[in-house]
Amino acid sequence: MALVLKSVDDDKAEDIVEIDLRGRSDVADYMVICSGRSSRQVAAISEKLADRLKQEMRISVRMEGKETGDWVLIDAGDVIVHVFRPEVREFYQLEKMWLPVGSGAGATRAAKA
């Protein structure tokens, strides 16, 4: 999990949110949602994350959506990562689907250094 957060932060992803899914979903333990400023940056953040996971953790990820760069989903087993262009992220509002109504519980915004 720490590698995922560090990778997207190092690549200048914006509005990074970590959602704890333990006990709420069998799909993954964590979900990370972040934004890139352009389709090119979204694709680059995603590709670099996949490369780092493979090199450092020996994890082969499944990736969907890199061709268009609007929304890339990266399945790294226990962690699911969504990298969006801001407009697409606003449209789908995944954070609202996974967080309790009126509560920020279960999610943390990664602090920028």
PDB file of N, CA and C in Angstrom:
ATOM      1  N   MET A   1       0.810  -1.186   0.000  1.00  0.00           N
ATOM      2  CA  MET A   1       0.000   0.000   0.000  1.00  0.00           C
ATOM      3  C   MET A   1       0.857   1.255   0.000  1.00  0.00           C
ATOM      4  N   ALA A   2       1.895   1.255   0.811  1.00  0.00           N
ATOM      5  CA  ALA A   2       2.777   2.421   0.899  1.00  0.00           C
ATOM      6  C   ALA A   2       3.439   2.701  -0.448  1.00  0.00           C
ATOM      7  N   LEU A   3       3.823   1.647  -1.164  1.00  0.00           N
ATOM      8  CA  LEU A   3       4.444   1.826  -2.477  1.00  0.00           C
ATOM      9  C   LEU A   3       3.475   2.480  -3.453  1.00  0.00           C
ATOM     10  N   VAL A   4       2.219   2.094  -3.414  1.00  0.00           N
ATOM     11  CA  VAL A   4       1.210   2.680  -4.301  1.00  0.00           C
ATOM     12  C   VAL A   4       1.081   4.174  -4.015  1.00  0.00           C
ATOM     13  N   LEU A   5       0.917   4.535  -2.748  1.00  0.00           N
ATOM     14  CA  LEU A   5       0.761   5.944  -2.386  1.00  0.00           C
ATOM     15  C   LEU A   5       1.991   6.760  -2.742  1.00  0.00           C
ATOM     16  N   LYS A   6       3.171   6.207  -2.483  1.00  0.00           N
ATOM     17  CA  LYS A   6       4.406   6.920  -2.808  1.00  0.00           C
ATOM     18  C   LYS A   6       4.549   7.096  -4.315  1.00  0.00           C
ATOM     19  N   SER A   7       4.221   6.065  -5.067  1.00  0.00           N
ATOM     20  CA  SER A   7       4.353   6.128  -6.518  1.00  0.00           C
ATOM     21  C   SER A   7       3.465   7.206  -7.124  1.00  0.00           C
ATOM     22  N   VAL A   8       2.191   7.224  -6.765  1.00  0.00           N
ATOM     23  CA  VAL A   8       1.294   8.215  -7.357  1.00  0.00           C
ATOM     24  C   VAL A   8       1.657   9.621  -6.889  1.00  0.00           C
ATOM     25  N   ASP A   9       2.115   9.748  -5.644  1.00  0.00           N
ATOM     26  CA  ASP A   9       2.546  11.054  -5.154  1.00  0.00           C
ATOM     27  C   ASP A   9       3.807  11.524  -5.886  1.00  0.00           C
ATOM     28  N   ASP A  10       4.769  10.631  -6.062  1.00  0.00           N
ATOM     29  CA  ASP A  10       6.008  10.978  -6.772  1.00  0.00           C
ATOM     30  C   ASP A  10       5.729  11.443  -8.196  1.00  0.00           C
ATOM     31  N   ASP A  11       4.683  10.893  -8.796  1.00  0.00           N
ATOM     32  CA  ASP A  11       4.350  11.249 -10.182  1.00  0.00           C
ATOM     33  C   ASP A  11       3.350  12.402 -10.259  1.00  0.00           C
ATOM     34  N   LYS A  12       3.200  13.115  -9.153  1.00  0.00           N
ATOM     35  CA  LYS A  12       2.405  14.354  -9.099  1.00  0.00           C
ATOM     36  C   LYS A  12       0.911  14.152  -9.292  1.00  0.00           C
ATOM     37  N   ALA A  13       0.410  12.978  -8.869  1.00  0.00           N
ATOM     38  CA  ALA A  13      -1.043  12.794  -8.871  1.00  0.00           C
ATOM     39  C   ALA A  13      -1.639  13.779  -7.880  1.00  0.00           C
ATOM     40  N   GLU A  14      -2.870  14.177  -8.135  1.00  0.00           N
ATOM     41  CA  GLU A  14      -3.546  15.156  -7.288  1.00  0.00           C
ATOM     42  C   GLU A  14      -4.717  14.506  -6.557  1.00  0.00           C
ATOM     43  N   ASP A  15      -5.093  15.115  -5.434  1.00  0.00           N
ATOM     44  CA  ASP A  15      -6.257  14.681  -4.654  1.00  0.00           C
ATOM     45  C   ASP A  15      -6.252  13.173  -4.409  1.00  0.00           C
ATOM     46  N   ILE A  16      -5.174  12.682  -3.832  1.00  0.00           N
ATOM     47  CA  ILE A  16      -5.021  11.254  -3.562  1.00  0.00           C
ATOM     48  C   ILE A  16      -5.874  10.882  -2.347  1.00  0.00           C
ATOM     49  N   VAL A  17      -6.734   9.879  -2.533  1.00  0.00           N
ATOM     50  CA  VAL A  17      -7.604   9.408  -1.456  1.00  0.00           C
ATOM     51  C   VAL A  17      -7.411   7.901  -1.310  1.00  0.00           C
ATOM     52  N   GLU A  18      -7.240   7.467  -0.065  1.00  0.00           N
ATOM     53  CA  GLU A  18      -7.119   6.044   0.265  1.00  0.00           C
ATOM     54  C   GLU A  18      -8.386   5.643   1.007  1.00  0.00           C
ATOM     55  N   ILE A  19      -9.037   4.584   0.543  1.00  0.00           N
ATOM     56  CA  ILE A  19     -10.261   4.105   1.184  1.00  0.00           C
ATOM     57  C   ILE A  19     -10.014   2.684   1.692  1.00  0.00           C
ATOM     58  N   ASP A  20     -10.253   2.489   2.969  1.00  0.00           N
ATOM     59  CA  ASP A  20     -10.082   1.182   3.603  1.00  0.00           C
ATOM     60  C   ASP A  20     -11.332   0.347   3.313  1.00  0.00           C
ATOM     61  N   LEU A  21     -11.160  -0.737   2.589  1.00  0.00           N
ATOM     62  CA  LEU A  21     -12.286  -1.604   2.226  1.00  0.00           C
ATOM     63  C   LEU A  21     -12.348  -2.882   3.056  1.00  0.00           C
ATOM     64  N   ARG A  22     -11.413  -3.037   3.979  1.00  0.00           N
ATOM     65  CA  ARG A  22     -11.382  -4.271   4.780  1.00  0.00           C
ATOM     66  C   ARG A  22     -12.703  -4.446   5.513  1.00  0.00           C
ATOM     67  N   GLY A  23     -13.292  -5.620   5.359  1.00  0.00           N
ATOM     68  CA  GLY A  23     -14.566  -5.918   5.986  1.00  0.00           C
ATOM     69  C   GLY A  23     -15.769  -5.382   5.228  1.00  0.00           C
ATOM     70  N   ARG A  24     -15.535  -4.654   4.138  1.00  0.00           N
ATOM     71  CA  ARG A  24     -16.630  -4.067   3.353  1.00  0.00           C
ATOM     72  C   ARG A  24     -16.688  -4.631   1.943  1.00  0.00           C
ATOM     73  N   SER A  25     -15.590  -5.252   1.495  1.00  0.00           N
ATOM     74  CA  SER A  25     -15.544  -5.776   0.140  1.00  0.00           C
ATOM     75  C   SER A  25     -14.591  -6.956   0.082  1.00  0.00           C
ATOM     76  N   ASP A  26     -14.953  -7.934  -0.724  1.00  0.00           N
ATOM     77  CA  ASP A  26     -14.065  -9.082  -0.944  1.00  0.00           C
ATOM     78  C   ASP A  26     -13.128  -8.843  -2.123  1.00  0.00           C
ATOM     79  N   VAL A  27     -13.338  -7.759  -2.838  1.00  0.00           N
ATOM     80  CA  VAL A  27     -12.559  -7.462  -4.044  1.00  0.00           C
ATOM     81  C   VAL A  27     -11.137  -7.029  -3.702  1.00  0.00           C
ATOM     82  N   ALA A  28     -10.986  -6.183  -2.684  1.00  0.00           N
ATOM     83  CA  ALA A  28      -9.679  -5.652  -2.307  1.00  0.00           C
ATOM     84  C   ALA A  28      -9.747  -5.153  -0.865  1.00  0.00           C
ATOM     85  N   ASP A  29      -8.564  -4.914  -0.291  1.00  0.00           N
ATOM     86  CA  ASP A  29      -8.489  -4.353   1.057  1.00  0.00           C
ATOM     87  C   ASP A  29      -8.493  -2.826   1.035  1.00  0.00           C
ATOM     88  N   TYR A  30      -7.939  -2.255  -0.028  1.00  0.00           N
ATOM     89  CA  TYR A  30      -7.845  -0.803  -0.134  1.00  0.00           C
ATOM     90  C   TYR A  30      -8.172  -0.358  -1.554  1.00  0.00           C
ATOM     91  N   MET A  31      -8.661   0.869  -1.647  1.00  0.00           N
ATOM     92  CA  MET A  31      -8.863   1.516  -2.926  1.00  0.00           C
ATOM     93  C   MET A  31      -8.149   2.864  -2.854  1.00  0.00           C
ATOM     94  N   VAL A  32      -7.410   3.186  -3.899  1.00  0.00           N
ATOM     95  CA  VAL A  32      -6.768   4.490  -3.998  1.00  0.00           C
ATOM     96  C   VAL A  32      -7.364   5.182  -5.212  1.00  0.00           C
ATOM     97  N   ILE A  33      -7.777   6.431  -5.006  1.00  0.00           N
ATOM     98  CA  ILE A  33      -8.343   7.235  -6.082  1.00  0.00           C
ATOM     99  C   ILE A  33      -7.503   8.501  -6.174  1.00  0.00           C
ATOM    100  N   CYS A  34      -7.097   8.839  -7.396  1.00  0.00           N
ATOM    101  CA  CYS A  34      -6.312  10.053  -7.579  1.00  0.00           C
ATOM    102  C   CYS A  34      -6.568  10.606  -8.972  1.00  0.00           C
ATOM    103  N   SER A  35      -6.049  11.811  -9.209  1.00  0.00           N
ATOM    104  CA  SER A  35      -6.267  12.476 -10.492  1.00  0.00           C
ATOM    105  C   SER A  35      -4.943  12.882 -11.113  1.00  0.00           C
ATOM    106  N   GLY A  36      -4.954  12.905 -12.447  1.00  0.00           N
ATOM    107  CA  GLY A  36      -3.865  13.479 -13.219  1.00  0.00           C
ATOM    108  C   GLY A  36      -4.443  14.648 -14.002  1.00  0.00           C
ATOM    109  N   ARG A  37      -3.627  15.619 -14.325  1.00  0.00           N
ATOM    110  CA  ARG A  37      -4.121  16.833 -14.977  1.00  0.00           C
ATOM    111  C   ARG A  37      -4.509  16.637 -16.441  1.00  0.00           C
ATOM    112  N   SER A  38      -4.003  15.593 -17.077  1.00  0.00           N
ATOM    113  CA  SER A  38      -4.273  15.363 -18.495  1.00  0.00           C
ATOM    114  C   SER A  38      -4.303  13.868 -18.774  1.00  0.00           C
ATOM    115  N   SER A  39      -4.789  13.501 -19.951  1.00  0.00           N
ATOM    116  CA  SER A  39      -4.801  12.086 -20.338  1.00  0.00           C
ATOM    117  C   SER A  39      -3.389  11.519 -20.347  1.00  0.00           C
ATOM    118  N   ARG A  40      -2.454  12.306 -20.792  1.00  0.00           N
ATOM    119  CA  ARG A  40      -1.057  11.853 -20.833  1.00  0.00           C
ATOM    120  C   ARG A  40      -0.533  11.583 -19.423  1.00  0.00           C
ATOM    121  N   GLN A  41      -0.830  12.481 -18.476  1.00  0.00           N
ATOM    122  CA  GLN A  41      -0.358  12.272 -17.119  1.00  0.00           C
ATOM    123  C   GLN A  41      -1.059  11.081 -16.465  1.00  0.00           C
ATOM    124  N   VAL A  42      -2.344  10.913 -16.717  1.00  0.00           N
ATOM    125  CA  VAL A  42      -3.080   9.758 -16.178  1.00  0.00           C
ATOM    126  C   VAL A  42      -2.422   8.464 -16.645  1.00  0.00           C
ATOM    127  N   ALA A  43      -2.121   8.377 -17.936  1.00  0.00           N
ATOM    128  CA  ALA A  43      -1.480   7.175 -18.482  1.00  0.00           C
ATOM    129  C   ALA A  43      -0.086   6.974 -17.890  1.00  0.00           C
ATOM    130  N   ALA A  44       0.670   8.063 -17.736  1.00  0.00           N
ATOM    131  CA  ALA A  44       2.029   7.962 -17.192  1.00  0.00           C
ATOM    132  C   ALA A  44       2.023   7.527 -15.728  1.00  0.00           C
ATOM    133  N   ILE A  45       1.142   8.108 -14.922  1.00  0.00           N
ATOM    134  CA  ILE A  45       1.031   7.714 -13.508  1.00  0.00           C
ATOM    135  C   ILE A  45       0.729   6.218 -13.419  1.00  0.00           C
ATOM    136  N   SER A  46      -0.193   5.761 -14.240  1.00  0.00           N
ATOM    137  CA  SER A  46      -0.618   4.359 -14.223  1.00  0.00           C
ATOM    138  C   SER A  46       0.500   3.422 -14.662  1.00  0.00           C
ATOM    139  N   GLU A  47       1.158   3.771 -15.750  1.00  0.00           N
ATOM    140  CA  GLU A  47       2.239   2.927 -16.274  1.00  0.00           C
ATOM    141  C   GLU A  47       3.403   2.840 -15.291  1.00  0.00           C
ATOM    142  N   LYS A  48       3.772   3.962 -14.708  1.00  0.00           N
ATOM    143  CA  LYS A  48       4.880   3.952 -13.744  1.00  0.00           C
ATOM    144  C   LYS A  48       4.522   3.151 -12.500  1.00  0.00           C
ATOM    145  N   LEU A  49       3.283   3.258 -12.048  1.00  0.00           N
ATOM    146  CA  LEU A  49       2.857   2.468 -10.894  1.00  0.00           C
ATOM    147  C   LEU A  49       2.946   0.978 -11.208  1.00  0.00           C
ATOM    148  N   ALA A  50       2.447   0.584 -12.367  1.00  0.00           N
ATOM    149  CA  ALA A  50       2.511  -0.830 -12.761  1.00  0.00           C
ATOM    150  C   ALA A  50       3.958  -1.312 -12.826  1.00  0.00           C
ATOM    151  N   ASP A  51       4.845  -0.500 -13.380  1.00  0.00           N
ATOM    152  CA  ASP A  51       6.267  -0.867 -13.464  1.00  0.00           C
ATOM    153  C   ASP A  51       6.899  -1.000 -12.083  1.00  0.00           C
ATOM    154  N   ARG A  52       6.591  -0.057 -11.193  1.00  0.00           N
ATOM    155  CA  ARG A  52       7.166  -0.106  -9.839  1.00  0.00           C
ATOM    156  C   ARG A  52       6.672  -1.324  -9.070  1.00  0.00           C
ATOM    157  N   LEU A  53       5.392  -1.634  -9.193  1.00  0.00           N
ATOM    158  CA  LEU A  53       4.860  -2.808  -8.507  1.00  0.00           C
ATOM    159  C   LEU A  53       5.514  -4.082  -9.018  1.00  0.00           C
ATOM    160  N   LYS A  54       5.745  -4.138 -10.313  1.00  0.00           N
ATOM    161  CA  LYS A  54       6.387  -5.317 -10.893  1.00  0.00           C
ATOM    162  C   LYS A  54       7.851  -5.428 -10.451  1.00  0.00           C
ATOM    163  N   GLN A  55       8.579  -4.306 -10.493  1.00  0.00           N
ATOM    164  CA  GLN A  55       9.998  -4.319 -10.150  1.00  0.00           C
ATOM    165  C   GLN A  55      10.250  -4.533  -8.654  1.00  0.00           C
ATOM    166  N   GLU A  56       9.501  -3.813  -7.819  1.00  0.00           N
ATOM    167  CA  GLU A  56       9.791  -3.817  -6.387  1.00  0.00           C
ATOM    168  C   GLU A  56       9.031  -4.873  -5.597  1.00  0.00           C
ATOM    169  N   MET A  57       7.828  -5.236  -6.059  1.00  0.00           N
ATOM    170  CA  MET A  57       7.004  -6.178  -5.302  1.00  0.00           C
ATOM    171  C   MET A  57       6.757  -7.488  -6.043  1.00  0.00           C
ATOM    172  N   ARG A  58       7.225  -7.556  -7.281  1.00  0.00           N
ATOM    173  CA  ARG A  58       7.002  -8.751  -8.116  1.00  0.00           C
ATOM    174  C   ARG A  58       5.509  -9.021  -8.324  1.00  0.00           C
ATOM    175  N   ILE A  59       4.734  -7.932  -8.424  1.00  0.00           N
ATOM    176  CA  ILE A  59       3.291  -8.042  -8.651  1.00  0.00           C
ATOM    177  C   ILE A  59       2.994  -7.645 -10.089  1.00  0.00           C
ATOM    178  N   SER A  60       2.350  -8.538 -10.815  1.00  0.00           N
ATOM    179  CA  SER A  60       1.873  -8.196 -12.158  1.00  0.00           C
ATOM    180  C   SER A  60       0.446  -7.694 -12.016  1.00  0.00           C
ATOM    181  N   VAL A  61       0.210  -6.506 -12.484  1.00  0.00           N
ATOM    182  CA  VAL A  61      -1.109  -5.897 -12.323  1.00  0.00           C
ATOM    183  C   VAL A  61      -1.913  -6.032 -13.604  1.00  0.00           C
ATOM    184  N   ARG A  62      -3.224  -5.929 -13.448  1.00  0.00           N
ATOM    185  CA  ARG A  62      -4.123  -5.822 -14.600  1.00  0.00           C
ATOM    186  C   ARG A  62      -4.516  -4.359 -14.710  1.00  0.00           C
ATOM    187  N   MET A  63      -4.511  -3.852 -15.932  1.00  0.00           N
ATOM    188  CA  MET A  63      -4.795  -2.442 -16.140  1.00  0.00           C
ATOM    189  C   MET A  63      -5.829  -2.296 -17.247  1.00  0.00           C
ATOM    190  N   GLU A  64      -6.798  -1.413 -17.018  1.00  0.00           N
ATOM    191  CA  GLU A  64      -7.838  -1.123 -18.002  1.00  0.00           C
ATOM    192  C   GLU A  64      -7.915   0.383 -18.224  1.00  0.00           C
ATOM    193  N   GLY A  65      -8.083   0.804 -19.460  1.00  0.00           N
ATOM    194  CA  GLY A  65      -8.355   2.199 -19.775  1.00  0.00           C
ATOM    195  C   GLY A  65      -7.165   3.061 -20.115  1.00  0.00           C
ATOM    196  N   LYS A  66      -5.969   2.491 -20.127  1.00  0.00           N
ATOM    197  CA  LYS A  66      -4.782   3.309 -20.381  1.00  0.00           C
ATOM    198  C   LYS A  66      -4.781   3.916 -21.779  1.00  0.00           C
ATOM    199  N   GLU A  67      -5.436   3.247 -22.710  1.00  0.00           N
ATOM    200  CA  GLU A  67      -5.434   3.710 -24.105  1.00  0.00           C
ATOM    201  C   GLU A  67      -6.070   5.091 -24.239  1.00  0.00           C
ATOM    202  N   THR A  68      -7.153   5.345 -23.504  1.00  0.00           N
ATOM    203  CA  THR A  68      -7.834   6.632 -23.606  1.00  0.00           C
ATOM    204  C   THR A  68      -7.307   7.640 -22.595  1.00  0.00           C
ATOM    205  N   GLY A  69      -6.851   7.173 -21.439  1.00  0.00           N
ATOM    206  CA  GLY A  69      -6.273   8.063 -20.446  1.00  0.00           C
ATOM    207  C   GLY A  69      -7.279   8.905 -19.683  1.00  0.00           C
ATOM    208  N   ASP A  70      -8.567   8.581 -19.782  1.00  0.00           N
ATOM    209  CA  ASP A  70      -9.574   9.312 -19.008  1.00  0.00           C
ATOM    210  C   ASP A  70      -9.710   8.737 -17.608  1.00  0.00           C
ATOM    211  N   TRP A  71      -9.708   7.405 -17.533  1.00  0.00           N
ATOM    212  CA  TRP A  71      -9.860   6.697 -16.269  1.00  0.00           C
ATOM    213  C   TRP A  71      -9.119   5.382 -16.423  1.00  0.00           C
ATOM    214  N   VAL A  72      -8.080   5.201 -15.626  1.00  0.00           N
ATOM    215  CA  VAL A  72      -7.329   3.954 -15.657  1.00  0.00           C
ATOM    216  C   VAL A  72      -7.562   3.220 -14.348  1.00  0.00           C
ATOM    217  N   LEU A  73      -7.944   1.963 -14.459  1.00  0.00           N
ATOM    218  CA  LEU A  73      -8.123   1.102 -13.304  1.00  0.00           C
ATOM    219  C   LEU A  73      -6.942   0.146 -13.249  1.00  0.00           C
ATOM    220  N   ILE A  74      -6.309   0.074 -12.085  1.00  0.00           N
ATOM    221  CA  ILE A  74      -5.167  -0.815 -11.889  1.00  0.00           C
ATOM    222  C   ILE A  74      -5.528  -1.778 -10.762  1.00  0.00           C
ATOM    223  N   ASP A  75      -5.562  -3.062 -11.085  1.00  0.00           N
ATOM    224  CA  ASP A  75      -5.870  -4.094 -10.099  1.00  0.00           C
ATOM    225  C   ASP A  75      -4.554  -4.709  -9.649  1.00  0.00           C
ATOM    226  N   ALA A  76      -4.161  -4.388  -8.414  1.00  0.00           N
ATOM    227  CA  ALA A  76      -2.914  -4.906  -7.860  1.00  0.00           C
ATOM    228  C   ALA A  76      -3.193  -5.916  -6.753  1.00  0.00           C
ATOM    229  N   GLY A  77      -4.295  -6.629  -6.887  1.00  0.00           N
ATOM    230  CA  GLY A  77      -4.641  -7.640  -5.888  1.00  0.00           C
ATOM    231  C   GLY A  77      -5.369  -7.027  -4.711  1.00  0.00           C
ATOM    232  N   ASP A  78      -4.642  -6.780  -3.613  1.00  0.00           N
ATOM    233  CA  ASP A  78      -5.260  -6.229  -2.408  1.00  0.00           C
ATOM    234  C   ASP A  78      -5.556  -4.738  -2.514  1.00  0.00           C
ATOM    235  N   VAL A  79      -5.006  -4.091  -3.552  1.00  0.00           N
ATOM    236  CA  VAL A  79      -5.211  -2.652  -3.744  1.00  0.00           C
ATOM    237  C   VAL A  79      -5.738  -2.411  -5.155  1.00  0.00           C
ATOM    238  N   ILE A  80      -6.814  -1.671  -5.229  1.00  0.00           N
ATOM    239  CA  ILE A  80      -7.372  -1.241  -6.515  1.00  0.00           C
ATOM    240  C   ILE A  80      -7.086   0.254  -6.632  1.00  0.00           C
ATOM    241  N   VAL A  81      -6.524   0.673  -7.764  1.00  0.00           N
ATOM    242  CA  VAL A  81      -6.178   2.076  -7.964  1.00  0.00           C
ATOM    243  C   VAL A  81      -6.963   2.615  -9.147  1.00  0.00           C
ATOM    244  N   HIS A  82      -7.568   3.782  -8.954  1.00  0.00           N
ATOM    245  CA  HIS A  82      -8.276   4.490 -10.015  1.00  0.00           C
ATOM    246  C   HIS A  82      -7.541   5.802 -10.247  1.00  0.00           C
ATOM    247  N   VAL A  83      -7.111   6.036 -11.474  1.00  0.00           N
ATOM    248  CA  VAL A  83      -6.460   7.295 -11.828  1.00  0.00           C
ATOM    249  C   VAL A  83      -7.345   7.967 -12.873  1.00  0.00           C
ATOM    250  N   PHE A  84      -7.820   9.157 -12.548  1.00  0.00           N
ATOM    251  CA  PHE A  84      -8.797   9.856 -13.377  1.00  0.00           C
ATOM    252  C   PHE A  84      -8.264  11.189 -13.899  1.00  0.00           C
ATOM    253  N   ARG A  85      -8.826  11.643 -15.000  1.00  0.00           N
ATOM    254  CA  ARG A  85      -8.780  13.067 -15.326  1.00  0.00           C
ATOM    255  C   ARG A  85      -9.821  13.708 -14.406  1.00  0.00           C
ATOM    256  N   PRO A  86      -9.598  14.938 -13.937  1.00  0.00           N
ATOM    257  CA  PRO A  86     -10.508  15.543 -12.951  1.00  0.00           C
ATOM    258  C   PRO A  86     -11.979  15.548 -13.362  1.00  0.00           C
ATOM    259  N   GLU A  87     -12.277  15.835 -14.625  1.00  0.00           N
ATOM    260  CA  GLU A  87     -13.680  15.898 -15.065  1.00  0.00           C
ATOM    261  C   GLU A  87     -14.357  14.531 -14.978  1.00  0.00           C
ATOM    262  N   VAL A  88     -13.617  13.503 -15.307  1.00  0.00           N
ATOM    263  CA  VAL A  88     -14.160  12.140 -15.276  1.00  0.00           C
ATOM    264  C   VAL A  88     -14.360  11.696 -13.828  1.00  0.00           C
ATOM    265  N   ARG A  89     -13.409  12.043 -12.977  1.00  0.00           N
ATOM    266  CA  ARG A  89     -13.536  11.713 -11.555  1.00  0.00           C
ATOM    267  C   ARG A  89     -14.771  12.383 -10.956  1.00  0.00           C
ATOM    268  N   GLU A  90     -14.975  13.635 -11.289  1.00  0.00           N
ATOM    269  CA  GLU A  90     -16.138  14.363 -10.783  1.00  0.00           C
ATOM    270  C   GLU A  90     -17.437  13.719 -11.267  1.00  0.00           C
ATOM    271  N   PHE A  91     -17.454  13.261 -12.499  1.00  0.00           N
ATOM    272  CA  PHE A  91     -18.654  12.645 -13.060  1.00  0.00           C
ATOM    273  C   PHE A  91     -19.016  11.349 -12.326  1.00  0.00           C
ATOM    274  N   TYR A  92     -18.028  10.481 -12.097  1.00  0.00           N
ATOM    275  CA  TYR A  92     -18.319   9.171 -11.487  1.00  0.00           C
ATOM    276  C   TYR A  92     -18.387   9.200  -9.962  1.00  0.00           C
ATOM    277  N   GLN A  93     -17.672  10.085  -9.316  1.00  0.00           N
ATOM    278  CA  GLN A  93     -17.715  10.260  -7.865  1.00  0.00           C
ATOM    279  C   GLN A  93     -17.603   8.938  -7.088  1.00  0.00           C
ATOM    280  N   LEU A  94     -16.580   8.171  -7.371  1.00  0.00           N
ATOM    281  CA  LEU A  94     -16.389   6.882  -6.696  1.00  0.00           C
ATOM    282  C   LEU A  94     -16.259   7.016  -5.188  1.00  0.00           C
ATOM    283  N   GLU A  95     -15.635   8.097  -4.719  1.00  0.00           N
ATOM    284  CA  GLU A  95     -15.494   8.266  -3.277  1.00  0.00           C
ATOM    285  C   GLU A  95     -16.855   8.223  -2.597  1.00  0.00           C
ATOM    286  N   LYS A  96     -17.837   8.862  -3.186  1.00  0.00           N
ATOM    287  CA  LYS A  96     -19.176   8.900  -2.577  1.00  0.00           C
ATOM    288  C   LYS A  96     -19.815   7.522  -2.534  1.00  0.00           C
ATOM    289  N   MET A  97     -19.501   6.673  -3.508  1.00  0.00           N
ATOM    290  CA  MET A  97     -20.066   5.319  -3.518  1.00  0.00           C
ATOM    291  C   MET A  97     -19.496   4.461  -2.392  1.00  0.00           C
ATOM    292  N   TRP A  98     -18.242   4.708  -2.003  1.00  0.00           N
ATOM    293  CA  TRP A  98     -17.572   3.840  -1.054  1.00  0.00           C
ATOM    294  C   TRP A  98     -17.484   4.404   0.352  1.00  0.00           C
ATOM    295  N   LEU A  99     -17.870   5.653   0.540  1.00  0.00           N
ATOM    296  CA  LEU A  99     -17.821   6.245   1.875  1.00  0.00           C
ATOM    297  C   LEU A  99     -19.213   6.335   2.462  1.00  0.00           C
ATOM    298  N   PRO A 100     -19.348   6.190   3.784  1.00  0.00           N
ATOM    299  CA  PRO A 100     -20.655   6.364   4.422  1.00  0.00           C
ATOM    300  C   PRO A 100     -21.166   7.789   4.188  1.00  0.00           C
ATOM    301  N   VAL A 101     -22.466   7.941   4.064  1.00  0.00           N
ATOM    302  CA  VAL A 101     -23.079   9.250   3.832  1.00  0.00           C
ATOM    303  C   VAL A 101     -22.722  10.197   4.969  1.00  0.00           C
ATOM    304  N   GLY A 102     -22.247  11.400   4.601  1.00  0.00           N
ATOM    305  CA  GLY A 102     -21.944  12.426   5.587  1.00  0.00           C
ATOM    306  C   GLY A 102     -20.734  12.143   6.442  1.00  0.00           C
ATOM    307  N   SER A 103     -19.906  11.197   6.007  1.00  0.00           N
ATOM    308  CA  SER A 103     -18.764  10.823   6.823  1.00  0.00           C
ATOM    309  C   SER A 103     -17.526  10.679   5.977  1.00  0.00           C
ATOM    310  N   GLY A 104     -16.406  11.067   6.531  1.00  0.00           N
ATOM    311  CA  GLY A 104     -15.111  10.841   5.884  1.00  0.00           C
ATOM    312  C   GLY A 104     -14.451   9.595   6.434  1.00  0.00           C
ATOM    313  N   ALA A 105     -15.172   8.839   7.262  1.00  0.00           N
ATOM    314  CA  ALA A 105     -14.599   7.649   7.895  1.00  0.00           C
ATOM    315  C   ALA A 105     -14.198   6.629   6.847  1.00  0.00           C
ATOM    316  N   GLY A 106     -13.044   6.035   7.063  1.00  0.00           N
ATOM    317  CA  GLY A 106     -12.578   4.993   6.166  1.00  0.00           C
ATOM    318  C   GLY A 106     -11.725   5.503   5.030  1.00  0.00           C
ATOM    319  N   ALA A 107     -11.581   6.828   4.913  1.00  0.00           N
ATOM    320  CA  ALA A 107     -10.756   7.382   3.836  1.00  0.00           C
ATOM    321  C   ALA A 107      -9.784   8.386   4.411  1.00  0.00           C
ATOM    322  N   THR A 108      -8.635   8.432   3.827  1.00  0.00           N
ATOM    323  CA  THR A 108      -7.671   9.442   4.203  1.00  0.00           C
ATOM    324  C   THR A 108      -7.116  10.059   2.949  1.00  0.00           C
ATOM    325  N   ARG A 109      -6.887  11.338   3.014  1.00  0.00           N
ATOM    326  CA  ARG A 109      -6.225  12.023   1.915  1.00  0.00           C
ATOM    327  C   ARG A 109      -4.746  11.984   2.211  1.00  0.00           C
ATOM    328  N   ALA A 110      -3.972  11.526   1.264  1.00  0.00           N
ATOM    329  CA  ALA A 110      -2.525  11.467   1.460  1.00  0.00           C
ATOM    330  C   ALA A 110      -1.988  12.899   1.522  1.00  0.00           C
ATOM    331  N   ALA A 111      -1.161  13.146   2.507  1.00  0.00           N
ATOM    332  CA  ALA A 111      -0.608  14.486   2.697  1.00  0.00           C
ATOM    333  C   ALA A 111       0.518  14.728   1.699  1.00  0.00           C
ATOM    334  N   LYS A 112       0.526  15.924   1.154  1.00  0.00           N
ATOM    335  CA  LYS A 112       1.619  16.335   0.260  1.00  0.00           C
ATOM    336  C   LYS A 112       2.774  16.819   1.121  1.00  0.00           C
ATOM    337  N   ALA A 113       3.965  16.397   0.776  1.00  0.00           N
ATOM    338  CA  ALA A 113       5.137  16.803   1.545  1.00  0.00           C
ATOM    339  C   ALA A 113       5.555  18.215   1.210  1.00  0.00           C
TER     340      ALA A 113
END
